[in-house]
PDB file of N, CA and C in Angstrom:
ATOM      1  N   UNK A   1       8.876  13.655   0.952  1.00  0.00           N
ATOM      2  CA  UNK A   1       9.257  12.461   0.176  1.00  0.00           C
ATOM      3  C   UNK A   1       9.984  13.422  -0.947  1.00  0.00           C
ATOM      4  N   UNK A   2      10.685  12.640  -1.394  1.00  0.00           N
ATOM      5  CA  UNK A   2      11.911  13.342  -2.864  1.00  0.00           C
ATOM      6  C   UNK A   2      10.825  13.171  -3.990  1.00  0.00           C
ATOM      7  N   UNK A   3      11.789  14.819  -4.871  1.00  0.00           N
ATOM      8  CA  UNK A   3      11.175  14.246  -6.360  1.00  0.00           C
ATOM      9  C   UNK A   3      12.069  13.965  -7.241  1.00  0.00           C
ATOM     10  N   UNK A   4      11.170  13.628  -8.499  1.00  0.00           N
ATOM     11  CA  UNK A   4      12.233  13.246  -9.531  1.00  0.00           C
ATOM     12  C   UNK A   4      11.610  14.275 -10.693  1.00  0.00           C
ATOM     13  N   UNK A   5      12.568  14.470 -11.643  1.00  0.00           N
ATOM     14  CA  UNK A   5      12.495  15.307 -13.098  1.00  0.00           C
ATOM     15  C   UNK A   5      11.725  14.313 -14.114  1.00  0.00           C
ATOM     16  N   UNK A   6      11.056  14.403 -14.832  1.00  0.00           N
ATOM     17  CA  UNK A   6      10.513  13.140 -15.668  1.00  0.00           C
ATOM     18  C   UNK A   6      10.540  14.619 -16.958  1.00  0.00           C
ATOM     19  N   UNK A   7      10.897  14.038 -17.656  1.00  0.00           N
ATOM     20  CA  UNK A   7      11.119  15.015 -19.184  1.00  0.00           C
ATOM     21  C   UNK A   7      10.273  13.760 -20.286  1.00  0.00           C
ATOM     22  N   UNK A   8       9.535  14.464 -21.099  1.00  0.00           N
ATOM     23  CA  UNK A   8       8.502  14.110 -22.091  1.00  0.00           C
ATOM     24  C   UNK A   8       9.276  14.255 -23.226  1.00  0.00           C
ATOM     25  N   UNK A   9       9.187  13.536 -24.371  1.00  0.00           N
ATOM     26  CA  UNK A   9       9.363  13.381 -25.722  1.00  0.00           C
ATOM     27  C   UNK A   9       8.756  13.275 -26.565  1.00  0.00           C
ATOM     28  N   UNK A  10       8.458  13.724 -27.541  1.00  0.00           N
ATOM     29  CA  UNK A  10       7.209  14.039 -29.303  1.00  0.00           C
ATOM     30  C   UNK A  10       6.070  13.767 -28.769  1.00  0.00           C
ATOM     31  N   UNK A  11       5.648  12.212 -28.527  1.00  0.00           N
ATOM     32  CA  UNK A  11       4.299  12.225 -28.608  1.00  0.00           C
ATOM     33  C   UNK A  11       3.723  11.965 -26.807  1.00  0.00           C
ATOM     34  N   UNK A  12       4.691  11.434 -26.036  1.00  0.00           N
ATOM     35  CA  UNK A  12       4.420  11.548 -24.545  1.00  0.00           C
ATOM     36  C   UNK A  12       4.235  12.818 -23.893  1.00  0.00           C
ATOM     37  N   UNK A  13       5.144  13.458 -24.772  1.00  0.00           N
ATOM     38  CA  UNK A  13       4.936  15.290 -24.362  1.00  0.00           C
ATOM     39  C   UNK A  13       3.337  15.981 -24.791  1.00  0.00           C
ATOM     40  N   UNK A  14       3.184  15.418 -26.050  1.00  0.00           N
ATOM     41  CA  UNK A  14       1.961  16.101 -26.427  1.00  0.00           C
ATOM     42  C   UNK A  14       0.948  15.558 -25.505  1.00  0.00           C
ATOM     43  N   UNK A  15       0.812  14.048 -24.799  1.00  0.00           N
ATOM     44  CA  UNK A  15       0.263  13.333 -23.963  1.00  0.00           C
ATOM     45  C   UNK A  15       0.065  14.228 -22.424  1.00  0.00           C
ATOM     46  N   UNK A  16       0.856  14.803 -22.330  1.00  0.00           N
ATOM     47  CA  UNK A  16       1.387  15.496 -20.689  1.00  0.00           C
ATOM     48  C   UNK A  16       0.966  16.776 -21.292  1.00  0.00           C
ATOM     49  N   UNK A  17       1.279  17.230 -22.167  1.00  0.00           N
ATOM     50  CA  UNK A  17       1.052  18.499 -22.290  1.00  0.00           C
ATOM     51  C   UNK A  17       2.106  19.630 -21.941  1.00  0.00           C
ATOM     52  N   UNK A  18       3.380  18.941 -21.495  1.00  0.00           N
ATOM     53  CA  UNK A  18       4.734  19.756 -21.097  1.00  0.00           C
ATOM     54  C   UNK A  18       5.699  18.763 -22.120  1.00  0.00           C
ATOM     55  N   UNK A  19       6.964  19.210 -21.578  1.00  0.00           N
ATOM     56  CA  UNK A  19       8.261  18.498 -21.891  1.00  0.00           C
ATOM     57  C   UNK A  19       8.893  18.400 -20.769  1.00  0.00           C
ATOM     58  N   UNK A  20       9.167  18.586 -19.405  1.00  0.00           N
ATOM     59  CA  UNK A  20       9.262  18.509 -18.070  1.00  0.00           C
ATOM     60  C   UNK A  20       8.594  19.053 -17.061  1.00  0.00           C
ATOM     61  N   UNK A  21       8.735  18.097 -16.102  1.00  0.00           N
ATOM     62  CA  UNK A  21       8.261  18.640 -14.699  1.00  0.00           C
ATOM     63  C   UNK A  21       8.874  17.971 -13.746  1.00  0.00           C
ATOM     64  N   UNK A  22       8.301  18.216 -12.267  1.00  0.00           N
ATOM     65  CA  UNK A  22       8.925  17.443 -11.511  1.00  0.00           C
ATOM     66  C   UNK A  22       7.697  16.926 -10.824  1.00  0.00           C
ATOM     67  N   UNK A  23       8.171  15.448 -10.242  1.00  0.00           N
ATOM     68  CA  UNK A  23       7.355  14.654  -9.417  1.00  0.00           C
ATOM     69  C   UNK A  23       7.061  14.021  -7.753  1.00  0.00           C
ATOM     70  N   UNK A  24       6.562  13.794  -6.992  1.00  0.00           N
ATOM     71  CA  UNK A  24       7.094  13.178  -6.258  1.00  0.00           C
ATOM     72  C   UNK A  24       7.230  11.898  -6.859  1.00  0.00           C
ATOM     73  N   UNK A  25       8.263  11.314  -6.262  1.00  0.00           N
ATOM     74  CA  UNK A  25       9.234  10.008  -6.503  1.00  0.00           C
ATOM     75  C   UNK A  25       8.380   8.854  -5.976  1.00  0.00           C
ATOM     76  N   UNK A  26       7.848   8.191  -6.868  1.00  0.00           N
ATOM     77  CA  UNK A  26       7.449   6.900  -6.575  1.00  0.00           C
ATOM     78  C   UNK A  26       8.355   5.847  -6.465  1.00  0.00           C
ATOM     79  N   UNK A  27       7.980   4.643  -5.586  1.00  0.00           N
ATOM     80  CA  UNK A  27       9.118   3.951  -5.074  1.00  0.00           C
ATOM     81  C   UNK A  27       9.341   2.446  -6.386  1.00  0.00           C
ATOM     82  N   UNK A  28       9.080   3.071  -7.210  1.00  0.00           N
ATOM     83  CA  UNK A  28       8.796   1.900  -8.445  1.00  0.00           C
ATOM     84  C   UNK A  28       8.546   2.557  -9.650  1.00  0.00           C
ATOM     85  N   UNK A  29       9.255   1.851 -11.045  1.00  0.00           N
ATOM     86  CA  UNK A  29       9.096   2.017 -11.848  1.00  0.00           C
ATOM     87  C   UNK A  29       6.644   1.743 -12.418  1.00  0.00           C
ATOM     88  N   UNK A  30       6.613   0.879 -11.750  1.00  0.00           N
ATOM     89  CA  UNK A  30       5.023   0.466 -11.996  1.00  0.00           C
ATOM     90  C   UNK A  30       4.341   1.617 -11.388  1.00  0.00           C
ATOM     91  N   UNK A  31       4.653   1.929 -10.460  1.00  0.00           N
ATOM     92  CA  UNK A  31       3.746   3.040  -9.569  1.00  0.00           C
ATOM     93  C   UNK A  31       3.968   4.230 -10.584  1.00  0.00           C
ATOM     94  N   UNK A  32       5.097   4.620 -11.115  1.00  0.00           N
ATOM     95  CA  UNK A  32       5.069   5.883 -11.786  1.00  0.00           C
ATOM     96  C   UNK A  32       4.452   6.043 -13.352  1.00  0.00           C
ATOM     97  N   UNK A  33       4.181   4.769 -13.647  1.00  0.00           N
ATOM     98  CA  UNK A  33       3.323   4.404 -15.257  1.00  0.00           C
ATOM     99  C   UNK A  33       2.056   4.401 -14.336  1.00  0.00           C
ATOM    100  N   UNK A  34       1.474   4.130 -13.654  1.00  0.00           N
ATOM    101  CA  UNK A  34       0.252   3.957 -13.195  1.00  0.00           C
ATOM    102  C   UNK A  34      -0.040   5.651 -12.622  1.00  0.00           C
ATOM    103  N   UNK A  35       0.752   6.339 -11.817  1.00  0.00           N
ATOM    104  CA  UNK A  35       0.235   7.711 -11.952  1.00  0.00           C
ATOM    105  C   UNK A  35       0.549   8.774 -12.925  1.00  0.00           C
ATOM    106  N   UNK A  36       1.385   8.227 -13.973  1.00  0.00           N
ATOM    107  CA  UNK A  36       0.985   8.981 -15.445  1.00  0.00           C
ATOM    108  C   UNK A  36      -0.015   8.419 -16.093  1.00  0.00           C
ATOM    109  N   UNK A  37      -0.545   7.365 -16.130  1.00  0.00           N
ATOM    110  CA  UNK A  37      -1.989   7.142 -16.921  1.00  0.00           C
ATOM    111  C   UNK A  37      -2.856   7.946 -16.091  1.00  0.00           C
ATOM    112  N   UNK A  38      -3.248   7.683 -14.580  1.00  0.00           N
ATOM    113  CA  UNK A  38      -3.773   7.976 -13.777  1.00  0.00           C
ATOM    114  C   UNK A  38      -4.454   9.875 -14.208  1.00  0.00           C
ATOM    115  N   UNK A  39      -3.110  10.330 -14.535  1.00  0.00           N
ATOM    116  CA  UNK A  39      -2.563  11.578 -14.960  1.00  0.00           C
ATOM    117  C   UNK A  39      -3.240  12.594 -15.825  1.00  0.00           C
ATOM    118  N   UNK A  40      -2.820  11.751 -17.409  1.00  0.00           N
ATOM    119  CA  UNK A  40      -3.033  12.211 -18.311  1.00  0.00           C
ATOM    120  C   UNK A  40      -3.603  11.225 -19.533  1.00  0.00           C
ATOM    121  N   UNK A  41      -4.366   9.734 -18.829  1.00  0.00           N
ATOM    122  CA  UNK A  41      -5.121   9.919 -19.633  1.00  0.00           C
ATOM    123  C   UNK A  41      -5.078   8.283 -20.972  1.00  0.00           C
ATOM    124  N   UNK A  42      -5.799   7.986 -21.631  1.00  0.00           N
ATOM    125  CA  UNK A  42      -5.375   7.330 -22.717  1.00  0.00           C
ATOM    126  C   UNK A  42      -4.517   7.430 -23.663  1.00  0.00           C
ATOM    127  N   UNK A  43      -4.298   9.067 -23.489  1.00  0.00           N
ATOM    128  CA  UNK A  43      -3.438   9.377 -24.757  1.00  0.00           C
ATOM    129  C   UNK A  43      -1.739   8.722 -24.227  1.00  0.00           C
ATOM    130  N   UNK A  44      -1.302   8.708 -23.118  1.00  0.00           N
ATOM    131  CA  UNK A  44      -0.213   8.340 -21.949  1.00  0.00           C
ATOM    132  C   UNK A  44      -0.416   7.091 -21.556  1.00  0.00           C
ATOM    133  N   UNK A  45      -1.398   6.388 -21.908  1.00  0.00           N
ATOM    134  CA  UNK A  45      -1.534   5.322 -22.029  1.00  0.00           C
ATOM    135  C   UNK A  45      -1.054   4.400 -23.406  1.00  0.00           C
ATOM    136  N   UNK A  46      -1.226   5.128 -24.052  1.00  0.00           N
ATOM    137  CA  UNK A  46      -1.011   4.499 -25.619  1.00  0.00           C
ATOM    138  C   UNK A  46       0.155   4.446 -25.502  1.00  0.00           C
ATOM    139  N   UNK A  47       0.895   5.762 -25.450  1.00  0.00           N
ATOM    140  CA  UNK A  47       2.487   6.048 -25.513  1.00  0.00           C
ATOM    141  C   UNK A  47       3.520   5.189 -24.680  1.00  0.00           C
ATOM    142  N   UNK A  48       2.891   4.492 -23.228  1.00  0.00           N
ATOM    143  CA  UNK A  48       3.296   3.982 -22.335  1.00  0.00           C
ATOM    144  C   UNK A  48       3.426   2.742 -22.913  1.00  0.00           C
ATOM    145  N   UNK A  49       2.639   1.943 -23.604  1.00  0.00           N
ATOM    146  CA  UNK A  49       1.587   0.923 -24.338  1.00  0.00           C
ATOM    147  C   UNK A  49       3.526   0.164 -24.699  1.00  0.00           C
ATOM    148  N   UNK A  50       3.809   0.855 -25.887  1.00  0.00           N
ATOM    149  CA  UNK A  50       5.140   0.317 -26.744  1.00  0.00           C
ATOM    150  C   UNK A  50       6.242   1.261 -26.522  1.00  0.00           C
ATOM    151  N   UNK A  51       6.066   2.374 -26.153  1.00  0.00           N
ATOM    152  CA  UNK A  51       7.215   3.186 -25.326  1.00  0.00           C
ATOM    153  C   UNK A  51       8.477   2.297 -24.272  1.00  0.00           C
ATOM    154  N   UNK A  52       9.859   3.403 -23.873  1.00  0.00           N
ATOM    155  CA  UNK A  52       9.877   3.081 -23.060  1.00  0.00           C
ATOM    156  C   UNK A  52      10.818   4.186 -22.140  1.00  0.00           C
ATOM    157  N   UNK A  53      11.057   3.685 -21.016  1.00  0.00           N
ATOM    158  CA  UNK A  53      11.793   4.763 -20.006  1.00  0.00           C
ATOM    159  C   UNK A  53      13.752   5.112 -20.213  1.00  0.00           C
ATOM    160  N   UNK A  54      14.045   5.682 -20.168  1.00  0.00           N
ATOM    161  CA  UNK A  54      15.582   6.032 -19.714  1.00  0.00           C
ATOM    162  C   UNK A  54      15.485   6.740 -17.885  1.00  0.00           C
ATOM    163  N   UNK A  55      16.297   5.791 -17.222  1.00  0.00           N
ATOM    164  CA  UNK A  55      16.453   6.306 -16.266  1.00  0.00           C
ATOM    165  C   UNK A  55      18.025   6.756 -15.705  1.00  0.00           C
ATOM    166  N   UNK A  56      18.047   8.105 -15.820  1.00  0.00           N
ATOM    167  CA  UNK A  56      19.182   8.637 -15.446  1.00  0.00           C
ATOM    168  C   UNK A  56      20.142   8.126 -16.775  1.00  0.00           C
ATOM    169  N   UNK A  57      19.498   8.130 -17.849  1.00  0.00           N
ATOM    170  CA  UNK A  57      20.070   7.408 -19.092  1.00  0.00           C
ATOM    171  C   UNK A  57      20.435   6.442 -18.876  1.00  0.00           C
ATOM    172  N   UNK A  58      19.796   5.144 -18.254  1.00  0.00           N
ATOM    173  CA  UNK A  58      20.000   4.120 -18.899  1.00  0.00           C
ATOM    174  C   UNK A  58      18.431   3.578 -18.792  1.00  0.00           C
ATOM    175  N   UNK A  59      18.376   2.559 -20.143  1.00  0.00           N
ATOM    176  CA  UNK A  59      17.175   2.201 -20.663  1.00  0.00           C
ATOM    177  C   UNK A  59      16.641   1.115 -19.392  1.00  0.00           C
ATOM    178  N   UNK A  60      15.368   0.941 -19.177  1.00  0.00           N
ATOM    179  CA  UNK A  60      14.794  -0.096 -18.381  1.00  0.00           C
ATOM    180  C   UNK A  60      13.528  -0.324 -18.720  1.00  0.00           C
ATOM    181  N   UNK A  61      13.583  -1.526 -18.516  1.00  0.00           N
ATOM    182  CA  UNK A  61      12.643  -2.101 -19.030  1.00  0.00           C
ATOM    183  C   UNK A  61      11.368  -2.969 -17.907  1.00  0.00           C
ATOM    184  N   UNK A  62      12.357  -3.377 -16.458  1.00  0.00           N
ATOM    185  CA  UNK A  62      11.414  -3.806 -15.784  1.00  0.00           C
ATOM    186  C   UNK A  62      10.865  -2.934 -14.546  1.00  0.00           C
ATOM    187  N   UNK A  63      10.234  -2.996 -14.484  1.00  0.00           N
ATOM    188  CA  UNK A  63       8.908  -2.218 -13.394  1.00  0.00           C
ATOM    189  C   UNK A  63       9.552  -1.873 -11.721  1.00  0.00           C
ATOM    190  N   UNK A  64      10.672  -2.247 -11.672  1.00  0.00           N
ATOM    191  CA  UNK A  64      10.860  -2.688 -10.468  1.00  0.00           C
ATOM    192  C   UNK A  64      11.431  -0.808  -9.844  1.00  0.00           C
ATOM    193  N   UNK A  65      12.169  -1.167  -8.380  1.00  0.00           N
ATOM    194  CA  UNK A  65      12.707   0.057  -8.075  1.00  0.00           C
ATOM    195  C   UNK A  65      13.465   1.074  -8.621  1.00  0.00           C
ATOM    196  N   UNK A  66      12.862   2.279  -8.812  1.00  0.00           N
ATOM    197  CA  UNK A  66      13.832   3.506  -9.262  1.00  0.00           C
ATOM    198  C   UNK A  66      14.884   2.977  -8.893  1.00  0.00           C
ATOM    199  N   UNK A  67      15.844   3.041  -7.660  1.00  0.00           N
ATOM    200  CA  UNK A  67      17.091   3.041  -7.483  1.00  0.00           C
ATOM    201  C   UNK A  67      16.882   4.320  -6.259  1.00  0.00           C
ATOM    202  N   UNK A  68      18.022   5.023  -6.103  1.00  0.00           N
ATOM    203  CA  UNK A  68      18.609   5.403  -5.063  1.00  0.00           C
ATOM    204  C   UNK A  68      18.931   6.195  -5.287  1.00  0.00           C
ATOM    205  N   UNK A  69      19.579   7.090  -6.520  1.00  0.00           N
ATOM    206  CA  UNK A  69      20.163   8.413  -6.846  1.00  0.00           C
ATOM    207  C   UNK A  69      19.445   9.762  -6.330  1.00  0.00           C
ATOM    208  N   UNK A  70      20.288  10.614  -5.887  1.00  0.00           N
ATOM    209  CA  UNK A  70      19.588  11.751  -5.197  1.00  0.00           C
ATOM    210  C   UNK A  70      18.623  12.499  -6.490  1.00  0.00           C
ATOM    211  N   UNK A  71      19.449  13.076  -7.971  1.00  0.00           N
ATOM    212  CA  UNK A  71      19.192  13.529  -9.069  1.00  0.00           C
ATOM    213  C   UNK A  71      18.491  12.799  -9.880  1.00  0.00           C
ATOM    214  N   UNK A  72      17.219  12.148  -9.718  1.00  0.00           N
ATOM    215  CA  UNK A  72      16.377  11.484 -10.508  1.00  0.00           C
ATOM    216  C   UNK A  72      16.213  11.401 -12.017  1.00  0.00           C
ATOM    217  N   UNK A  73      16.191  11.686 -13.101  1.00  0.00           N
ATOM    218  CA  UNK A  73      15.344  11.848 -14.121  1.00  0.00           C
ATOM    219  C   UNK A  73      15.239  10.984 -14.828  1.00  0.00           C
ATOM    220  N   UNK A  74      13.741  10.644 -15.246  1.00  0.00           N
ATOM    221  CA  UNK A  74      13.049   9.627 -15.488  1.00  0.00           C
ATOM    222  C   UNK A  74      12.772  10.405 -17.375  1.00  0.00           C
ATOM    223  N   UNK A  75      13.296  10.201 -18.032  1.00  0.00           N
ATOM    224  CA  UNK A  75      12.938  10.029 -19.368  1.00  0.00           C
ATOM    225  C   UNK A  75      11.387   9.195 -20.090  1.00  0.00           C
ATOM    226  N   UNK A  76      10.528   9.766 -20.744  1.00  0.00           N
ATOM    227  CA  UNK A  76       9.651   8.422 -21.301  1.00  0.00           C
ATOM    228  C   UNK A  76       9.324   9.174 -22.544  1.00  0.00           C
ATOM    229  N   UNK A  77      10.115   8.249 -23.277  1.00  0.00           N
ATOM    230  CA  UNK A  77      10.331   8.276 -25.239  1.00  0.00           C
ATOM    231  C   UNK A  77       8.785   7.350 -25.353  1.00  0.00           C
ATOM    232  N   UNK A  78       8.323   7.883 -26.784  1.00  0.00           N
ATOM    233  CA  UNK A  78       7.783   7.099 -27.633  1.00  0.00           C
ATOM    234  C   UNK A  78       7.980   5.783 -28.366  1.00  0.00           C
ATOM    235  N   UNK A  79       7.469   4.819 -28.921  1.00  0.00           N
ATOM    236  CA  UNK A  79       8.427   4.175 -29.889  1.00  0.00           C
ATOM    237  C   UNK A  79       8.491   4.937 -31.048  1.00  0.00           C
ATOM    238  N   UNK A  80       9.597   4.772 -31.399  1.00  0.00           N
ATOM    239  CA  UNK A  80      10.368   5.402 -32.766  1.00  0.00           C
ATOM    240  C   UNK A  80      10.575   4.520 -34.022  1.00  0.00           C
ATOM    241  N   UNK A  81      10.027   5.235 -34.430  1.00  0.00           N
ATOM    242  CA  UNK A  81       9.997   4.454 -36.301  1.00  0.00           C
ATOM    243  C   UNK A  81      11.283   4.505 -36.835  1.00  0.00           C
ATOM    244  N   UNK A  82      11.921   3.193 -37.408  1.00  0.00           N
ATOM    245  CA  UNK A  82      13.326   3.516 -38.222  1.00  0.00           C
ATOM    246  C   UNK A  82      14.138   2.646 -37.321  1.00  0.00           C
ATOM    247  N   UNK A  83      15.495   2.867 -38.157  1.00  0.00           N
ATOM    248  CA  UNK A  83      16.253   2.071 -36.811  1.00  0.00           C
ATOM    249  C   UNK A  83      17.787   2.807 -37.149  1.00  0.00           C
TER     250      UNK A  83
END
């Protein structure tokens, strides 16, 4: 199974206890979300409830497949205030 890079920002980094890590590549964004919550608990669940994901720099709102890129980077972003 291949690996992905996950980068965490602000409250997501606090919930994960790190800013970046390598992760076994799940099939879908929904599976990744579930695995992050299972691993990091309620603080991560709260971040993911209103946060967003960037997949190789592109905002993803659906929970579908992660795609086929070899070098996959997933940014976990908490909700940001302001405009």
